[in-house]
């Protein structure tokens, strides 16, 4: 009887842990396509397992600097006056979504025992993240004002997002780590929708 009771308690405990692990927290509101960062991605070793391949490593080490530049672009437009409010809202939501994703990916690299060189911009030798803004493009965005700044931001972010989608699709096709693949699919879904939103804003500016 004692063995049966212990087994039942253990089964209940395991079930509760599984339910807790599957729970997701949604974030209400926001613009279309801005939900790819609303579900916190697990970063602990219990969920982001040590099972990964070269595609996972490439995706994460390239996506971190890619996300960081998106945040830099968002900061640049958010610091300006006279910019379309919808553009400012989009920029803030991109920043809010991609910042936590960077921390999640850094946690995965730590779990996988991979050293990430912040000063070099990360990535793997000979590989560059797609869609990145050049120094000249970033400088133009920094100095532009009003509607011109909004246009440069949107046009640059559309290309930037497309680069992220391409990298994410490679991860979905070739990756091994389930959490990394899940994040990649969120990037594809969320940023594809954001591109459509940005194109619509451009048409009316």
N, C-alpha and C. Protein backbone atom coordinates (compact mmCIF):
# COMPACT_ATOMS: atom_id res chain seq x y z
N UNK A 1 0.84 -1.20 0.00
CA UNK A 1 0.00 0.00 0.00
C UNK A 1 0.87 1.25 0.00
N UNK A 2 1.96 1.24 0.81
CA UNK A 2 2.82 2.39 0.86
C UNK A 2 3.46 2.63 -0.52
N UNK A 3 3.85 1.55 -1.21
CA UNK A 3 4.45 1.69 -2.53
C UNK A 3 3.46 2.30 -3.52
N UNK A 4 2.21 1.83 -3.44
CA UNK A 4 1.18 2.36 -4.36
C UNK A 4 0.93 3.83 -4.11
N UNK A 5 0.87 4.24 -2.83
CA UNK A 5 0.63 5.64 -2.50
C UNK A 5 1.78 6.51 -3.00
N UNK A 6 3.02 6.03 -2.80
CA UNK A 6 4.18 6.79 -3.26
C UNK A 6 4.18 6.93 -4.78
N UNK A 7 3.80 5.88 -5.46
CA UNK A 7 3.76 5.91 -6.92
C UNK A 7 2.73 6.92 -7.40
N UNK A 8 1.57 6.95 -6.71
CA UNK A 8 0.53 7.90 -7.11
C UNK A 8 0.99 9.33 -6.90
N UNK A 9 1.62 9.58 -5.78
CA UNK A 9 2.12 10.93 -5.50
C UNK A 9 3.16 11.32 -6.53
N UNK A 10 4.06 10.40 -6.86
CA UNK A 10 5.10 10.69 -7.84
C UNK A 10 4.49 10.99 -9.20
N UNK A 11 3.48 10.21 -9.59
CA UNK A 11 2.81 10.44 -10.87
C UNK A 11 2.17 11.81 -10.90
N UNK A 12 1.51 12.19 -9.80
CA UNK A 12 0.87 13.50 -9.74
C UNK A 12 1.90 14.61 -9.82
N UNK A 13 3.03 14.42 -9.15
CA UNK A 13 4.08 15.44 -9.17
C UNK A 13 4.64 15.61 -10.57
N UNK A 14 4.90 14.50 -11.25
CA UNK A 14 5.42 14.57 -12.61
C UNK A 14 4.43 15.26 -13.53
N UNK A 15 3.15 14.94 -13.39
CA UNK A 15 2.13 15.56 -14.23
C UNK A 15 2.08 17.06 -14.02
N UNK A 16 2.17 17.49 -12.73
CA UNK A 16 2.12 18.92 -12.45
C UNK A 16 3.32 19.64 -13.02
N UNK A 17 4.48 18.99 -12.96
CA UNK A 17 5.68 19.61 -13.53
C UNK A 17 5.57 19.73 -15.04
N UNK A 18 5.03 18.72 -15.69
CA UNK A 18 4.86 18.77 -17.14
C UNK A 18 3.91 19.87 -17.54
N UNK A 19 2.80 20.01 -16.78
CA UNK A 19 1.85 21.07 -17.08
C UNK A 19 2.48 22.43 -16.89
N UNK A 20 3.28 22.58 -15.85
CA UNK A 20 3.94 23.86 -15.60
C UNK A 20 4.91 24.17 -16.71
N UNK A 21 5.61 23.15 -17.18
CA UNK A 21 6.59 23.36 -18.24
C UNK A 21 5.96 23.73 -19.56
N UNK A 22 4.71 23.32 -19.77
CA UNK A 22 4.04 23.60 -21.03
C UNK A 22 3.27 24.91 -21.00
N UNK A 23 3.16 25.53 -19.84
CA UNK A 23 2.37 26.77 -19.74
C UNK A 23 3.03 27.87 -20.53
N UNK A 24 2.23 28.73 -21.17
CA UNK A 24 2.74 29.85 -21.95
C UNK A 24 2.01 31.10 -21.53
N UNK A 25 2.77 32.19 -21.45
CA UNK A 25 2.19 33.46 -21.08
C UNK A 25 2.10 34.35 -22.30
N UNK A 26 0.89 34.70 -22.72
CA UNK A 26 0.70 35.58 -23.86
C UNK A 26 0.73 37.02 -23.42
N UNK A 27 1.02 37.95 -24.36
CA UNK A 27 1.04 39.37 -24.09
C UNK A 27 -0.04 40.03 -24.93
N UNK A 28 -1.06 40.63 -24.30
CA UNK A 28 -2.16 41.19 -25.05
C UNK A 28 -1.74 42.41 -25.84
N UNK A 29 -2.54 42.74 -26.84
CA UNK A 29 -2.33 43.97 -27.58
C UNK A 29 -1.16 43.86 -28.54
N UNK A 30 -0.67 45.05 -28.98
CA UNK A 30 0.47 45.08 -29.88
C UNK A 30 0.03 45.06 -31.33
N UNK A 31 1.01 45.29 -32.21
CA UNK A 31 0.73 45.34 -33.63
C UNK A 31 0.82 43.94 -34.23
N UNK A 32 0.20 43.74 -35.40
CA UNK A 32 0.25 42.42 -36.03
C UNK A 32 1.68 41.95 -36.22
N UNK A 33 1.91 40.67 -35.87
CA UNK A 33 3.22 40.09 -36.06
C UNK A 33 4.17 40.30 -34.91
N UNK A 34 3.71 40.97 -33.84
CA UNK A 34 4.62 41.27 -32.75
C UNK A 34 4.55 40.28 -31.61
N UNK A 35 4.08 39.07 -31.87
CA UNK A 35 3.91 38.10 -30.80
C UNK A 35 5.06 37.10 -30.71
N UNK A 36 6.10 37.25 -31.58
CA UNK A 36 7.15 36.24 -31.57
C UNK A 36 8.01 36.32 -30.32
N UNK A 37 7.87 37.39 -29.54
CA UNK A 37 8.64 37.47 -28.32
C UNK A 37 7.79 37.40 -27.08
N UNK A 38 6.49 37.11 -27.24
CA UNK A 38 5.58 37.17 -26.11
C UNK A 38 5.62 35.92 -25.25
N UNK A 39 6.11 34.82 -25.81
CA UNK A 39 6.22 33.58 -25.04
C UNK A 39 7.67 33.40 -24.62
N UNK A 40 7.98 33.53 -23.33
CA UNK A 40 9.37 33.41 -22.90
C UNK A 40 9.97 32.08 -23.30
N UNK A 41 11.13 32.14 -23.95
CA UNK A 41 11.80 30.92 -24.34
C UNK A 41 12.63 30.41 -23.18
N UNK A 42 12.54 29.12 -22.83
CA UNK A 42 13.30 28.61 -21.69
C UNK A 42 14.79 28.67 -21.94
N UNK A 43 15.56 29.04 -20.91
CA UNK A 43 17.00 29.14 -21.07
C UNK A 43 17.75 28.21 -20.13
N UNK A 44 17.04 27.52 -19.24
CA UNK A 44 17.71 26.62 -18.30
C UNK A 44 18.16 25.35 -18.96
N UNK A 45 19.16 24.70 -18.37
CA UNK A 45 19.71 23.50 -18.97
C UNK A 45 18.70 22.36 -19.00
N UNK A 46 17.66 22.43 -18.13
CA UNK A 46 16.65 21.36 -18.11
C UNK A 46 15.81 21.38 -19.36
N UNK A 47 15.64 22.58 -20.00
CA UNK A 47 14.79 22.67 -21.19
C UNK A 47 15.63 22.84 -22.45
N UNK A 48 16.64 23.72 -22.40
CA UNK A 48 17.53 23.88 -23.55
C UNK A 48 18.64 22.85 -23.41
N UNK A 49 18.38 21.64 -23.87
CA UNK A 49 19.28 20.53 -23.63
C UNK A 49 20.60 20.73 -24.34
N UNK A 50 21.57 19.93 -23.94
CA UNK A 50 22.90 20.02 -24.52
C UNK A 50 22.96 19.40 -25.92
N UNK A 51 21.85 18.88 -26.40
CA UNK A 51 21.81 18.30 -27.73
C UNK A 51 21.67 19.42 -28.77
N UNK A 52 22.70 19.63 -29.55
CA UNK A 52 22.68 20.67 -30.58
C UNK A 52 23.64 20.27 -31.68
N UNK A 53 23.48 20.87 -32.84
CA UNK A 53 24.40 20.60 -33.93
C UNK A 53 24.96 21.93 -34.46
N UNK A 54 25.73 21.85 -35.53
CA UNK A 54 26.38 23.06 -36.06
C UNK A 54 25.35 24.08 -36.56
N UNK A 55 24.19 23.61 -37.05
CA UNK A 55 23.16 24.53 -37.49
C UNK A 55 22.59 25.33 -36.32
N UNK A 56 22.39 24.66 -35.18
CA UNK A 56 21.92 25.36 -33.99
C UNK A 56 22.93 26.42 -33.56
N UNK A 57 24.20 26.02 -33.51
CA UNK A 57 25.25 26.96 -33.10
C UNK A 57 25.31 28.15 -34.04
N UNK A 58 25.24 27.91 -35.33
CA UNK A 58 25.31 29.00 -36.30
C UNK A 58 24.11 29.93 -36.16
N UNK A 59 22.93 29.35 -36.01
CA UNK A 59 21.72 30.15 -35.88
C UNK A 59 21.81 31.09 -34.68
N UNK A 60 22.18 30.54 -33.53
CA UNK A 60 22.19 31.34 -32.30
C UNK A 60 23.29 32.39 -32.33
N UNK A 61 24.51 32.00 -32.74
CA UNK A 61 25.61 32.96 -32.72
C UNK A 61 25.47 34.05 -33.77
N UNK A 62 24.74 33.78 -34.83
CA UNK A 62 24.48 34.81 -35.84
C UNK A 62 23.26 35.65 -35.50
N UNK A 63 22.27 35.04 -34.85
CA UNK A 63 21.05 35.77 -34.55
C UNK A 63 21.24 36.77 -33.41
N UNK A 64 22.17 36.51 -32.49
CA UNK A 64 22.39 37.45 -31.39
C UNK A 64 22.82 38.83 -31.92
N UNK A 65 23.88 38.94 -32.73
CA UNK A 65 24.23 40.26 -33.25
C UNK A 65 23.18 40.83 -34.18
N UNK A 66 22.47 39.95 -34.88
CA UNK A 66 21.40 40.41 -35.77
C UNK A 66 20.30 41.08 -34.96
N UNK A 67 19.87 40.43 -33.89
CA UNK A 67 18.88 41.02 -32.99
C UNK A 67 19.40 42.31 -32.38
N UNK A 68 20.69 42.33 -32.00
CA UNK A 68 21.24 43.52 -31.36
C UNK A 68 21.18 44.72 -32.29
N UNK A 69 21.46 44.50 -33.58
CA UNK A 69 21.37 45.63 -34.50
C UNK A 69 19.93 46.10 -34.66
N UNK A 70 18.97 45.19 -34.63
CA UNK A 70 17.57 45.60 -34.70
C UNK A 70 17.22 46.50 -33.51
N UNK A 71 17.76 46.18 -32.34
CA UNK A 71 17.53 47.01 -31.16
C UNK A 71 18.21 48.37 -31.35
N UNK A 72 19.42 48.39 -31.91
CA UNK A 72 20.11 49.65 -32.17
C UNK A 72 19.31 50.51 -33.14
N UNK A 73 18.74 49.89 -34.16
CA UNK A 73 17.90 50.61 -35.12
C UNK A 73 16.66 51.18 -34.43
N UNK A 74 16.07 50.36 -33.56
CA UNK A 74 14.89 50.82 -32.83
C UNK A 74 15.24 52.00 -31.92
N UNK A 75 16.37 51.91 -31.23
CA UNK A 75 16.80 53.00 -30.36
C UNK A 75 17.01 54.28 -31.15
N UNK A 76 17.57 54.15 -32.34
CA UNK A 76 17.84 55.33 -33.17
C UNK A 76 16.55 56.05 -33.53
N UNK A 77 15.52 55.31 -33.93
CA UNK A 77 14.26 55.95 -34.34
C UNK A 77 13.47 56.44 -33.12
N UNK A 78 13.58 55.73 -32.01
CA UNK A 78 12.85 56.12 -30.81
C UNK A 78 13.39 57.41 -30.19
N UNK A 79 14.61 57.77 -30.51
CA UNK A 79 15.22 58.97 -29.95
C UNK A 79 14.82 60.24 -30.69
N UNK A 80 14.07 60.10 -31.78
CA UNK A 80 13.76 61.24 -32.64
C UNK A 80 12.37 61.81 -32.39
N UNK A 81 12.21 63.08 -32.69
CA UNK A 81 10.91 63.75 -32.64
C UNK A 81 10.33 63.80 -34.05
N UNK A 82 9.01 63.95 -34.13
CA UNK A 82 8.36 64.11 -35.42
C UNK A 82 8.27 62.86 -36.25
N UNK A 83 8.37 61.69 -35.61
CA UNK A 83 8.28 60.41 -36.33
C UNK A 83 6.88 59.85 -36.15
N UNK A 84 6.37 59.25 -37.21
CA UNK A 84 5.03 58.64 -37.19
C UNK A 84 4.86 57.74 -35.97
N UNK A 85 3.73 57.90 -35.27
CA UNK A 85 3.51 57.16 -34.02
C UNK A 85 3.47 55.65 -34.24
N UNK A 86 2.94 55.21 -35.36
CA UNK A 86 2.89 53.77 -35.62
C UNK A 86 4.29 53.20 -35.80
N UNK A 87 5.18 53.99 -36.39
CA UNK A 87 6.57 53.56 -36.54
C UNK A 87 7.23 53.45 -35.17
N UNK A 88 6.98 54.43 -34.30
CA UNK A 88 7.56 54.40 -32.96
C UNK A 88 7.04 53.20 -32.15
N UNK A 89 5.75 52.91 -32.30
CA UNK A 89 5.17 51.76 -31.61
C UNK A 89 5.81 50.46 -32.09
N UNK A 90 5.97 50.35 -33.40
CA UNK A 90 6.60 49.17 -33.97
C UNK A 90 8.03 49.02 -33.47
N UNK A 91 8.77 50.11 -33.46
CA UNK A 91 10.17 50.07 -33.00
C UNK A 91 10.26 49.62 -31.55
N UNK A 92 9.38 50.13 -30.71
CA UNK A 92 9.41 49.76 -29.30
C UNK A 92 9.08 48.28 -29.12
N UNK A 93 8.15 47.78 -29.88
CA UNK A 93 7.76 46.38 -29.76
C UNK A 93 8.85 45.45 -30.28
N UNK A 94 9.55 45.86 -31.33
CA UNK A 94 10.69 45.08 -31.81
C UNK A 94 11.75 45.00 -30.73
N UNK A 95 12.04 46.13 -30.11
CA UNK A 95 13.03 46.17 -29.03
C UNK A 95 12.61 45.29 -27.86
N UNK A 96 11.35 45.39 -27.46
CA UNK A 96 10.86 44.61 -26.32
C UNK A 96 10.88 43.11 -26.60
N UNK A 97 10.65 42.72 -27.86
CA UNK A 97 10.62 41.29 -28.21
C UNK A 97 12.03 40.72 -28.33
N UNK A 98 12.92 41.45 -28.98
CA UNK A 98 14.21 40.86 -29.32
C UNK A 98 15.23 40.93 -28.19
N UNK A 99 15.08 41.87 -27.26
CA UNK A 99 15.98 41.92 -26.12
C UNK A 99 15.95 40.63 -25.29
N UNK A 100 14.77 40.18 -24.85
CA UNK A 100 14.70 38.92 -24.11
C UNK A 100 15.17 37.71 -24.91
N UNK A 101 14.94 37.72 -26.22
CA UNK A 101 15.40 36.61 -27.04
C UNK A 101 16.93 36.53 -27.07
N UNK A 102 17.59 37.68 -27.05
CA UNK A 102 19.05 37.69 -26.99
C UNK A 102 19.52 37.01 -25.71
N UNK A 103 18.89 37.35 -24.59
CA UNK A 103 19.29 36.75 -23.32
C UNK A 103 19.05 35.24 -23.31
N UNK A 104 17.94 34.82 -23.90
CA UNK A 104 17.66 33.40 -24.00
C UNK A 104 18.74 32.68 -24.80
N UNK A 105 19.11 33.25 -25.94
CA UNK A 105 20.12 32.61 -26.79
C UNK A 105 21.48 32.59 -26.12
N UNK A 106 21.82 33.64 -25.40
CA UNK A 106 23.08 33.62 -24.65
C UNK A 106 23.08 32.50 -23.62
N UNK A 107 21.92 32.29 -22.99
CA UNK A 107 21.81 31.20 -22.03
C UNK A 107 22.00 29.84 -22.67
N UNK A 108 21.47 29.68 -23.88
CA UNK A 108 21.68 28.41 -24.58
C UNK A 108 23.15 28.17 -24.85
N UNK A 109 23.86 29.18 -25.33
CA UNK A 109 25.28 29.01 -25.61
C UNK A 109 26.04 28.61 -24.36
N UNK A 110 25.67 29.19 -23.23
CA UNK A 110 26.30 28.80 -21.97
C UNK A 110 26.00 27.35 -21.64
N UNK A 111 24.73 26.95 -21.82
CA UNK A 111 24.36 25.57 -21.56
C UNK A 111 25.11 24.61 -22.49
N UNK A 112 25.36 25.03 -23.72
CA UNK A 112 26.03 24.18 -24.69
C UNK A 112 27.55 24.21 -24.56
N UNK A 113 28.06 25.07 -23.67
CA UNK A 113 29.51 25.17 -23.49
C UNK A 113 30.21 25.89 -24.62
N UNK A 114 29.49 26.81 -25.29
CA UNK A 114 30.06 27.56 -26.41
C UNK A 114 30.40 28.98 -25.94
N UNK A 115 31.63 29.38 -26.16
CA UNK A 115 32.06 30.73 -25.78
C UNK A 115 31.63 31.70 -26.87
N UNK A 116 30.99 32.79 -26.46
CA UNK A 116 30.50 33.79 -27.41
C UNK A 116 31.32 35.06 -27.27
N UNK A 117 31.92 35.51 -28.34
CA UNK A 117 32.77 36.69 -28.33
C UNK A 117 31.94 37.93 -28.67
N UNK A 118 31.55 38.68 -27.65
CA UNK A 118 30.73 39.88 -27.86
C UNK A 118 31.46 40.92 -28.70
N UNK A 119 32.75 41.10 -28.47
CA UNK A 119 33.50 42.15 -29.14
C UNK A 119 33.60 41.93 -30.64
N UNK A 120 33.55 40.66 -31.07
CA UNK A 120 33.66 40.37 -32.50
C UNK A 120 32.31 40.33 -33.19
N UNK A 121 31.25 40.54 -32.43
CA UNK A 121 29.92 40.48 -33.01
C UNK A 121 29.36 39.09 -33.10
N UNK A 122 30.07 38.13 -32.53
CA UNK A 122 29.58 36.75 -32.52
C UNK A 122 29.67 36.13 -33.90
N UNK A 123 28.83 35.15 -34.12
CA UNK A 123 28.82 34.47 -35.40
C UNK A 123 29.92 33.43 -35.52
N UNK A 124 29.94 32.73 -36.63
CA UNK A 124 30.95 31.71 -36.89
C UNK A 124 31.88 32.22 -37.99
N UNK A 125 33.15 31.80 -37.97
CA UNK A 125 34.11 32.28 -38.95
C UNK A 125 33.61 32.12 -40.38
N UNK A 126 33.72 33.21 -41.16
CA UNK A 126 33.33 33.15 -42.56
C UNK A 126 31.85 33.30 -42.81
N UNK A 127 31.05 33.47 -41.75
CA UNK A 127 29.60 33.59 -41.91
C UNK A 127 29.14 34.95 -41.40
N UNK A 128 28.29 35.62 -42.18
CA UNK A 128 27.75 36.91 -41.79
C UNK A 128 26.22 36.83 -41.74
N UNK A 129 25.61 37.41 -40.70
CA UNK A 129 24.15 37.43 -40.65
C UNK A 129 23.59 38.20 -41.85
N UNK A 130 22.53 37.72 -42.43
CA UNK A 130 21.95 38.37 -43.59
C UNK A 130 21.11 39.58 -43.24
N UNK A 131 21.08 40.55 -44.17
CA UNK A 131 20.21 41.70 -44.01
C UNK A 131 20.70 42.78 -43.08
N UNK A 132 21.95 42.69 -42.63
CA UNK A 132 22.47 43.67 -41.68
C UNK A 132 22.66 45.03 -42.35
N UNK A 133 22.39 46.09 -41.59
CA UNK A 133 22.63 47.45 -42.05
C UNK A 133 24.13 47.72 -42.04
N UNK A 134 24.62 48.41 -43.07
CA UNK A 134 26.02 48.81 -43.09
C UNK A 134 26.24 50.00 -42.15
N UNK A 135 27.51 50.30 -41.86
CA UNK A 135 27.80 51.47 -41.03
C UNK A 135 27.27 52.74 -41.68
N UNK A 136 27.36 52.83 -43.00
CA UNK A 136 26.85 53.99 -43.72
C UNK A 136 25.34 54.10 -43.56
N UNK A 137 24.64 52.98 -43.67
CA UNK A 137 23.18 52.98 -43.51
C UNK A 137 22.78 53.39 -42.10
N UNK A 138 23.49 52.87 -41.11
CA UNK A 138 23.19 53.22 -39.72
C UNK A 138 23.44 54.70 -39.47
N UNK A 139 24.52 55.23 -40.05
CA UNK A 139 24.82 56.65 -39.89
C UNK A 139 23.73 57.52 -40.51
N UNK A 140 23.22 57.09 -41.67
CA UNK A 140 22.13 57.84 -42.32
C UNK A 140 20.88 57.83 -41.46
N UNK A 141 20.58 56.69 -40.84
CA UNK A 141 19.42 56.59 -39.97
C UNK A 141 19.61 57.49 -38.75
N UNK A 142 20.80 57.54 -38.21
CA UNK A 142 21.09 58.34 -37.02
C UNK A 142 20.86 59.83 -37.29
N UNK A 143 21.21 60.29 -38.48
CA UNK A 143 21.15 61.72 -38.77
C UNK A 143 19.83 62.17 -39.37
N UNK A 144 19.03 61.25 -39.91
CA UNK A 144 17.76 61.61 -40.55
C UNK A 144 16.74 62.06 -39.51
N UNK A 145 15.75 62.79 -39.98
CA UNK A 145 14.68 63.28 -39.10
C UNK A 145 13.31 63.03 -39.73
N UNK A 146 12.28 63.06 -38.88
CA UNK A 146 10.90 63.02 -39.34
C UNK A 146 10.57 61.85 -40.24
N UNK A 147 9.85 62.19 -41.33
CA UNK A 147 9.37 61.16 -42.25
C UNK A 147 10.53 60.43 -42.94
N UNK A 148 11.63 61.14 -43.20
CA UNK A 148 12.78 60.49 -43.83
C UNK A 148 13.39 59.45 -42.91
N UNK A 149 13.47 59.75 -41.62
CA UNK A 149 13.98 58.78 -40.66
C UNK A 149 13.07 57.56 -40.59
N UNK A 150 11.78 57.79 -40.60
CA UNK A 150 10.83 56.68 -40.57
C UNK A 150 10.98 55.80 -41.79
N UNK A 151 11.14 56.43 -42.95
CA UNK A 151 11.30 55.66 -44.19
C UNK A 151 12.56 54.82 -44.16
N UNK A 152 13.68 55.42 -43.74
CA UNK A 152 14.94 54.67 -43.68
C UNK A 152 14.85 53.52 -42.69
N UNK A 153 14.18 53.75 -41.57
CA UNK A 153 14.02 52.70 -40.57
C UNK A 153 13.20 51.54 -41.13
N UNK A 154 12.08 51.85 -41.75
CA UNK A 154 11.20 50.80 -42.26
C UNK A 154 11.86 50.02 -43.40
N UNK A 155 12.47 50.73 -44.34
CA UNK A 155 13.12 50.05 -45.46
C UNK A 155 14.27 49.18 -44.97
N UNK A 156 15.05 49.71 -44.02
CA UNK A 156 16.16 48.93 -43.49
C UNK A 156 15.70 47.73 -42.68
N UNK A 157 14.62 47.91 -41.91
CA UNK A 157 14.13 46.82 -41.07
C UNK A 157 13.47 45.72 -41.89
N UNK A 158 12.85 46.07 -43.00
CA UNK A 158 12.27 45.04 -43.87
C UNK A 158 13.37 44.11 -44.38
N UNK A 159 14.47 44.69 -44.87
CA UNK A 159 15.59 43.88 -45.35
C UNK A 159 16.20 43.09 -44.19
N UNK A 160 16.32 43.75 -43.03
CA UNK A 160 16.87 43.12 -41.84
C UNK A 160 16.03 41.91 -41.43
N UNK A 161 14.72 42.09 -41.40
CA UNK A 161 13.81 40.99 -41.06
C UNK A 161 13.92 39.84 -42.06
N UNK A 162 14.04 40.17 -43.34
CA UNK A 162 14.13 39.10 -44.33
C UNK A 162 15.38 38.27 -44.12
N UNK A 163 16.48 38.92 -43.73
CA UNK A 163 17.69 38.18 -43.41
C UNK A 163 17.48 37.25 -42.23
N UNK A 164 16.76 37.73 -41.21
CA UNK A 164 16.47 36.89 -40.04
C UNK A 164 15.60 35.71 -40.42
N UNK A 165 14.63 35.93 -41.28
CA UNK A 165 13.74 34.85 -41.71
C UNK A 165 14.52 33.78 -42.46
N UNK A 166 15.44 34.21 -43.31
CA UNK A 166 16.26 33.25 -44.06
C UNK A 166 17.09 32.39 -43.11
N UNK A 167 17.72 33.04 -42.12
CA UNK A 167 18.51 32.29 -41.14
C UNK A 167 17.64 31.34 -40.33
N UNK A 168 16.46 31.82 -39.95
CA UNK A 168 15.56 31.00 -39.15
C UNK A 168 15.06 29.80 -39.94
N UNK A 169 14.81 29.97 -41.24
CA UNK A 169 14.35 28.84 -42.05
C UNK A 169 15.43 27.77 -42.16
N UNK A 170 16.69 28.20 -42.25
CA UNK A 170 17.79 27.24 -42.26
C UNK A 170 17.82 26.44 -40.96
N UNK A 171 17.57 27.13 -39.84
CA UNK A 171 17.54 26.45 -38.54
C UNK A 171 16.39 25.46 -38.47
N UNK A 172 15.22 25.85 -38.94
CA UNK A 172 14.07 24.93 -38.94
C UNK A 172 14.37 23.69 -39.78
N UNK A 173 15.03 23.90 -40.91
CA UNK A 173 15.32 22.80 -41.82
C UNK A 173 16.45 21.90 -41.32
N UNK A 174 17.44 22.48 -40.63
CA UNK A 174 18.67 21.74 -40.35
C UNK A 174 19.02 21.64 -38.88
N UNK A 175 18.35 22.37 -38.00
CA UNK A 175 18.71 22.37 -36.58
C UNK A 175 18.31 21.09 -35.87
N UNK A 176 18.84 20.92 -34.67
CA UNK A 176 18.55 19.74 -33.86
C UNK A 176 17.89 20.11 -32.53
N UNK A 177 18.31 21.22 -31.92
CA UNK A 177 17.80 21.59 -30.61
C UNK A 177 16.36 22.08 -30.72
N UNK A 178 15.41 21.46 -30.00
CA UNK A 178 13.99 21.80 -30.18
C UNK A 178 13.66 23.23 -29.79
N UNK A 179 14.32 23.76 -28.74
CA UNK A 179 14.03 25.13 -28.33
C UNK A 179 14.52 26.13 -29.37
N UNK A 180 15.68 25.88 -29.94
CA UNK A 180 16.20 26.76 -30.98
C UNK A 180 15.31 26.72 -32.22
N UNK A 181 14.83 25.54 -32.57
CA UNK A 181 13.93 25.41 -33.72
C UNK A 181 12.62 26.14 -33.45
N UNK A 182 12.13 26.04 -32.22
CA UNK A 182 10.89 26.74 -31.86
C UNK A 182 11.06 28.25 -31.99
N UNK A 183 12.17 28.77 -31.50
CA UNK A 183 12.43 30.20 -31.62
C UNK A 183 12.54 30.61 -33.09
N UNK A 184 13.21 29.80 -33.88
CA UNK A 184 13.35 30.09 -35.31
C UNK A 184 11.99 30.18 -35.98
N UNK A 185 11.07 29.28 -35.64
CA UNK A 185 9.74 29.33 -36.24
C UNK A 185 8.99 30.58 -35.79
N UNK A 186 9.20 30.99 -34.54
CA UNK A 186 8.58 32.23 -34.07
C UNK A 186 9.11 33.42 -34.84
N UNK A 187 10.41 33.42 -35.14
CA UNK A 187 11.00 34.50 -35.93
C UNK A 187 10.36 34.54 -37.32
N UNK A 188 10.23 33.38 -37.94
CA UNK A 188 9.62 33.33 -39.28
C UNK A 188 8.21 33.88 -39.26
N UNK A 189 7.40 33.41 -38.32
CA UNK A 189 6.00 33.81 -38.28
C UNK A 189 5.85 35.28 -37.90
N UNK A 190 6.55 35.68 -36.83
CA UNK A 190 6.39 37.04 -36.34
C UNK A 190 6.96 38.09 -37.28
N UNK A 191 8.15 37.85 -37.79
CA UNK A 191 8.79 38.87 -38.62
C UNK A 191 8.21 38.92 -40.02
N UNK A 192 7.65 37.83 -40.51
CA UNK A 192 6.93 37.87 -41.80
C UNK A 192 5.73 38.79 -41.69
N UNK A 193 5.00 38.69 -40.59
CA UNK A 193 3.85 39.57 -40.38
C UNK A 193 4.29 41.02 -40.20
N UNK A 194 5.41 41.23 -39.51
CA UNK A 194 5.92 42.58 -39.32
C UNK A 194 6.31 43.23 -40.64
N UNK A 195 6.87 42.44 -41.55
CA UNK A 195 7.22 42.98 -42.86
C UNK A 195 5.98 43.52 -43.56
N UNK A 196 4.89 42.77 -43.50
CA UNK A 196 3.65 43.24 -44.12
C UNK A 196 3.17 44.53 -43.47
N UNK A 197 3.28 44.63 -42.15
CA UNK A 197 2.89 45.84 -41.44
C UNK A 197 3.76 47.02 -41.89
N UNK A 198 5.05 46.81 -41.96
CA UNK A 198 5.96 47.89 -42.35
C UNK A 198 5.72 48.34 -43.79
N UNK A 199 5.43 47.40 -44.67
CA UNK A 199 5.12 47.78 -46.06
C UNK A 199 3.86 48.63 -46.12
N UNK A 200 2.88 48.30 -45.32
CA UNK A 200 1.64 49.07 -45.28
C UNK A 200 1.89 50.48 -44.76
N UNK A 201 2.75 50.62 -43.76
CA UNK A 201 3.07 51.95 -43.23
C UNK A 201 3.81 52.77 -44.30
N UNK A 202 4.74 52.12 -44.99
CA UNK A 202 5.49 52.83 -46.03
C UNK A 202 4.57 53.39 -47.11
N UNK A 203 3.55 52.66 -47.44
CA UNK A 203 2.64 53.09 -48.51
C UNK A 203 1.91 54.38 -48.17
N UNK A 204 1.71 54.65 -46.89
CA UNK A 204 0.95 55.85 -46.50
C UNK A 204 1.84 57.00 -46.03
N UNK A 205 3.15 56.76 -45.84
CA UNK A 205 4.02 57.84 -45.38
C UNK A 205 4.22 58.90 -46.49
